[in-house]
Structure formats: C-alpha cells, structure tokens
Amino acid sequence: MDKEVGERIRHVRLDKGYTRDTLSMMSGVSEKYIFQIERQHTGFSVDILLKLTKALDSSCLLYTSDAAD
C-alpha cells in the first residue's frame, strides 16, 4: 500500500506544479521525508498521510485498491 500511495503523492504533487520544497512548507513534513515516501524508501504514519492529503487538497490519496476488496 505504501508504494502506490507514494506514487500517488508524487503524481498529485507534480500535477499541481508543486516542488517537494513547496509541499514541505505547506504540510510541515520535511522535504527529505517526502522524497523517501515518494520513492518508497520509508513507510509513513496516518498522521503524515493526512498532512500531505490536506496540503495537496486531494482526498484520493486516502483510497487504495485494498479498500475496494
């Protein structure tokens, strides 16, 4: 699940024209941590996901293909 969410975060961020630095300032999540999440180098908590979702104004990050099962 982390992998597909990380990919979605990157996709939404790029669609909105945000750099990692911009997203970091908007969410309070470090730029380095965002990079690691997007590249699937680390896991993340629900709190981090909610911060990124709010900053990106994108609730689609909360839904996974697992949720449809």
N, C-alpha and C. Protein backbone atom coordinates (compact mmCIF):
# COMPACT_ATOMS: atom_id res chain seq x y z
N MET A 1 0.81 -1.19 0.00
CA MET A 1 0.00 0.00 0.00
C MET A 1 0.86 1.26 0.00
N ASP A 2 1.93 1.28 0.79
CA ASP A 2 2.80 2.46 0.85
C ASP A 2 3.33 2.83 -0.52
N LYS A 3 3.65 1.80 -1.33
CA LYS A 3 4.23 2.07 -2.65
C LYS A 3 3.25 2.83 -3.54
N GLU A 4 2.02 2.34 -3.62
CA GLU A 4 1.07 3.02 -4.51
C GLU A 4 0.68 4.39 -3.97
N VAL A 5 0.63 4.56 -2.66
CA VAL A 5 0.32 5.87 -2.09
C VAL A 5 1.47 6.84 -2.36
N GLY A 6 2.71 6.37 -2.22
CA GLY A 6 3.87 7.20 -2.52
C GLY A 6 3.86 7.68 -3.96
N GLU A 7 3.51 6.78 -4.87
CA GLU A 7 3.42 7.14 -6.28
C GLU A 7 2.31 8.15 -6.52
N ARG A 8 1.18 7.98 -5.82
CA ARG A 8 0.07 8.92 -5.97
C ARG A 8 0.42 10.30 -5.43
N ILE A 9 1.12 10.33 -4.31
CA ILE A 9 1.55 11.62 -3.75
C ILE A 9 2.39 12.36 -4.77
N ARG A 10 3.36 11.67 -5.35
CA ARG A 10 4.23 12.30 -6.35
C ARG A 10 3.42 12.78 -7.56
N HIS A 11 2.51 11.95 -8.03
CA HIS A 11 1.70 12.30 -9.20
C HIS A 11 0.85 13.55 -8.93
N VAL A 12 0.17 13.57 -7.79
CA VAL A 12 -0.68 14.72 -7.46
C VAL A 12 0.17 15.97 -7.26
N ARG A 13 1.30 15.81 -6.58
CA ARG A 13 2.20 16.96 -6.36
C ARG A 13 2.64 17.56 -7.69
N LEU A 14 3.06 16.72 -8.62
CA LEU A 14 3.52 17.20 -9.92
C LEU A 14 2.37 17.80 -10.73
N ASP A 15 1.18 17.19 -10.66
CA ASP A 15 0.01 17.73 -11.36
C ASP A 15 -0.32 19.14 -10.89
N LYS A 16 -0.10 19.41 -9.62
CA LYS A 16 -0.38 20.73 -9.06
C LYS A 16 0.78 21.70 -9.25
N GLY A 17 1.89 21.19 -9.79
CA GLY A 17 3.05 22.05 -10.04
C GLY A 17 3.85 22.36 -8.80
N TYR A 18 3.72 21.54 -7.76
CA TYR A 18 4.44 21.78 -6.51
C TYR A 18 5.79 21.08 -6.53
N THR A 19 6.79 21.75 -6.00
CA THR A 19 8.06 21.09 -5.73
C THR A 19 7.94 20.39 -4.39
N ARG A 20 8.89 19.53 -4.08
CA ARG A 20 8.90 18.91 -2.76
C ARG A 20 9.06 19.96 -1.66
N ASP A 21 9.84 21.00 -1.96
CA ASP A 21 10.04 22.08 -1.01
C ASP A 21 8.72 22.79 -0.71
N THR A 22 7.95 23.07 -1.74
CA THR A 22 6.65 23.72 -1.57
C THR A 22 5.72 22.84 -0.73
N LEU A 23 5.64 21.57 -1.07
CA LEU A 23 4.80 20.64 -0.33
C LEU A 23 5.26 20.54 1.12
N SER A 24 6.55 20.57 1.32
CA SER A 24 7.10 20.51 2.68
C SER A 24 6.63 21.71 3.50
N MET A 25 6.73 22.88 2.92
CA MET A 25 6.29 24.09 3.64
C MET A 25 4.79 24.07 3.91
N MET A 26 4.02 23.55 2.98
CA MET A 26 2.57 23.52 3.13
C MET A 26 2.10 22.47 4.14
N SER A 27 2.84 21.37 4.24
CA SER A 27 2.39 20.24 5.06
C SER A 27 3.09 20.13 6.41
N GLY A 28 4.28 20.73 6.52
CA GLY A 28 5.06 20.55 7.75
C GLY A 28 5.83 19.25 7.77
N VAL A 29 5.86 18.54 6.64
CA VAL A 29 6.62 17.29 6.51
C VAL A 29 7.92 17.63 5.78
N SER A 30 9.03 17.13 6.27
CA SER A 30 10.31 17.51 5.67
C SER A 30 10.41 17.09 4.21
N GLU A 31 11.14 17.88 3.45
CA GLU A 31 11.36 17.59 2.03
C GLU A 31 12.02 16.22 1.86
N LYS A 32 12.98 15.92 2.70
CA LYS A 32 13.68 14.63 2.63
C LYS A 32 12.71 13.47 2.88
N TYR A 33 11.81 13.64 3.85
CA TYR A 33 10.84 12.59 4.16
C TYR A 33 9.87 12.40 2.99
N ILE A 34 9.42 13.50 2.37
CA ILE A 34 8.54 13.41 1.21
C ILE A 34 9.24 12.64 0.08
N PHE A 35 10.51 12.95 -0.15
CA PHE A 35 11.28 12.23 -1.17
C PHE A 35 11.29 10.73 -0.86
N GLN A 36 11.57 10.39 0.39
CA GLN A 36 11.63 8.98 0.79
C GLN A 36 10.29 8.28 0.62
N ILE A 37 9.20 8.97 0.95
CA ILE A 37 7.86 8.39 0.77
C ILE A 37 7.57 8.17 -0.71
N GLU A 38 7.83 9.18 -1.52
CA GLU A 38 7.55 9.07 -2.96
C GLU A 38 8.37 7.97 -3.61
N ARG A 39 9.56 7.75 -3.15
CA ARG A 39 10.44 6.73 -3.73
C ARG A 39 10.35 5.38 -3.01
N GLN A 40 9.40 5.27 -2.09
CA GLN A 40 9.16 4.04 -1.34
C GLN A 40 10.37 3.58 -0.53
N HIS A 41 11.15 4.54 -0.03
CA HIS A 41 12.32 4.22 0.79
C HIS A 41 11.97 4.12 2.26
N THR A 42 10.75 4.54 2.62
CA THR A 42 10.33 4.50 4.01
C THR A 42 8.81 4.40 4.08
N GLY A 43 8.34 3.92 5.21
CA GLY A 43 6.90 3.90 5.47
C GLY A 43 6.50 5.24 6.07
N PHE A 44 5.24 5.39 6.41
CA PHE A 44 4.76 6.63 6.99
C PHE A 44 3.53 6.36 7.81
N SER A 45 3.24 7.27 8.72
CA SER A 45 2.08 7.13 9.59
C SER A 45 0.84 7.74 8.94
N VAL A 46 -0.30 7.45 9.53
CA VAL A 46 -1.55 8.03 9.07
C VAL A 46 -1.50 9.55 9.25
N ASP A 47 -0.89 10.01 10.33
CA ASP A 47 -0.77 11.46 10.57
C ASP A 47 -0.03 12.15 9.42
N ILE A 48 1.04 11.55 8.96
CA ILE A 48 1.81 12.12 7.84
C ILE A 48 0.96 12.12 6.58
N LEU A 49 0.26 11.02 6.33
CA LEU A 49 -0.60 10.95 5.14
C LEU A 49 -1.68 12.02 5.19
N LEU A 50 -2.25 12.25 6.35
CA LEU A 50 -3.28 13.28 6.47
C LEU A 50 -2.72 14.68 6.24
N LYS A 51 -1.52 14.94 6.72
CA LYS A 51 -0.87 16.24 6.47
C LYS A 51 -0.65 16.47 4.98
N LEU A 52 -0.16 15.44 4.29
CA LEU A 52 0.09 15.56 2.86
C LEU A 52 -1.22 15.69 2.08
N THR A 53 -2.23 14.92 2.48
CA THR A 53 -3.53 14.98 1.83
C THR A 53 -4.13 16.38 1.95
N LYS A 54 -4.05 16.96 3.13
CA LYS A 54 -4.58 18.30 3.35
C LYS A 54 -3.81 19.33 2.52
N ALA A 55 -2.48 19.24 2.52
CA ALA A 55 -1.67 20.20 1.77
C ALA A 55 -1.92 20.09 0.27
N LEU A 56 -2.15 18.89 -0.21
CA LEU A 56 -2.39 18.68 -1.64
C LEU A 56 -3.87 18.85 -2.00
N ASP A 57 -4.71 19.00 -0.98
CA ASP A 57 -6.16 19.11 -1.20
C ASP A 57 -6.64 17.96 -2.07
N SER A 58 -6.25 16.76 -1.67
CA SER A 58 -6.53 15.59 -2.50
C SER A 58 -6.88 14.39 -1.64
N SER A 59 -8.15 14.18 -1.40
CA SER A 59 -8.58 13.04 -0.59
C SER A 59 -8.35 11.71 -1.30
N CYS A 60 -8.08 11.71 -2.61
CA CYS A 60 -7.86 10.46 -3.34
C CYS A 60 -6.64 9.70 -2.81
N LEU A 61 -5.74 10.40 -2.10
CA LEU A 61 -4.58 9.72 -1.53
C LEU A 61 -4.97 8.73 -0.45
N LEU A 62 -6.16 8.91 0.13
CA LEU A 62 -6.60 8.06 1.23
C LEU A 62 -7.16 6.73 0.75
N TYR A 63 -7.49 6.63 -0.51
CA TYR A 63 -8.12 5.42 -1.03
C TYR A 63 -7.09 4.55 -1.74
N THR A 64 -7.17 3.26 -1.45
CA THR A 64 -6.26 2.31 -2.08
C THR A 64 -7.07 1.23 -2.76
N SER A 65 -6.43 0.47 -3.60
CA SER A 65 -7.12 -0.65 -4.25
C SER A 65 -7.51 -1.69 -3.21
N ASP A 66 -6.82 -1.75 -2.07
CA ASP A 66 -7.15 -2.68 -1.00
C ASP A 66 -8.53 -2.35 -0.41
N ALA A 67 -8.89 -1.07 -0.41
CA ALA A 67 -10.15 -0.64 0.18
C ALA A 67 -11.35 -1.19 -0.60
N ALA A 68 -11.16 -1.49 -1.88
CA ALA A 68 -12.25 -1.99 -2.71
C ALA A 68 -12.50 -3.47 -2.50
N ASP A 69 -11.57 -4.17 -1.89
CA ASP A 69 -11.71 -5.62 -1.67
C ASP A 69 -12.73 -5.95 -0.62
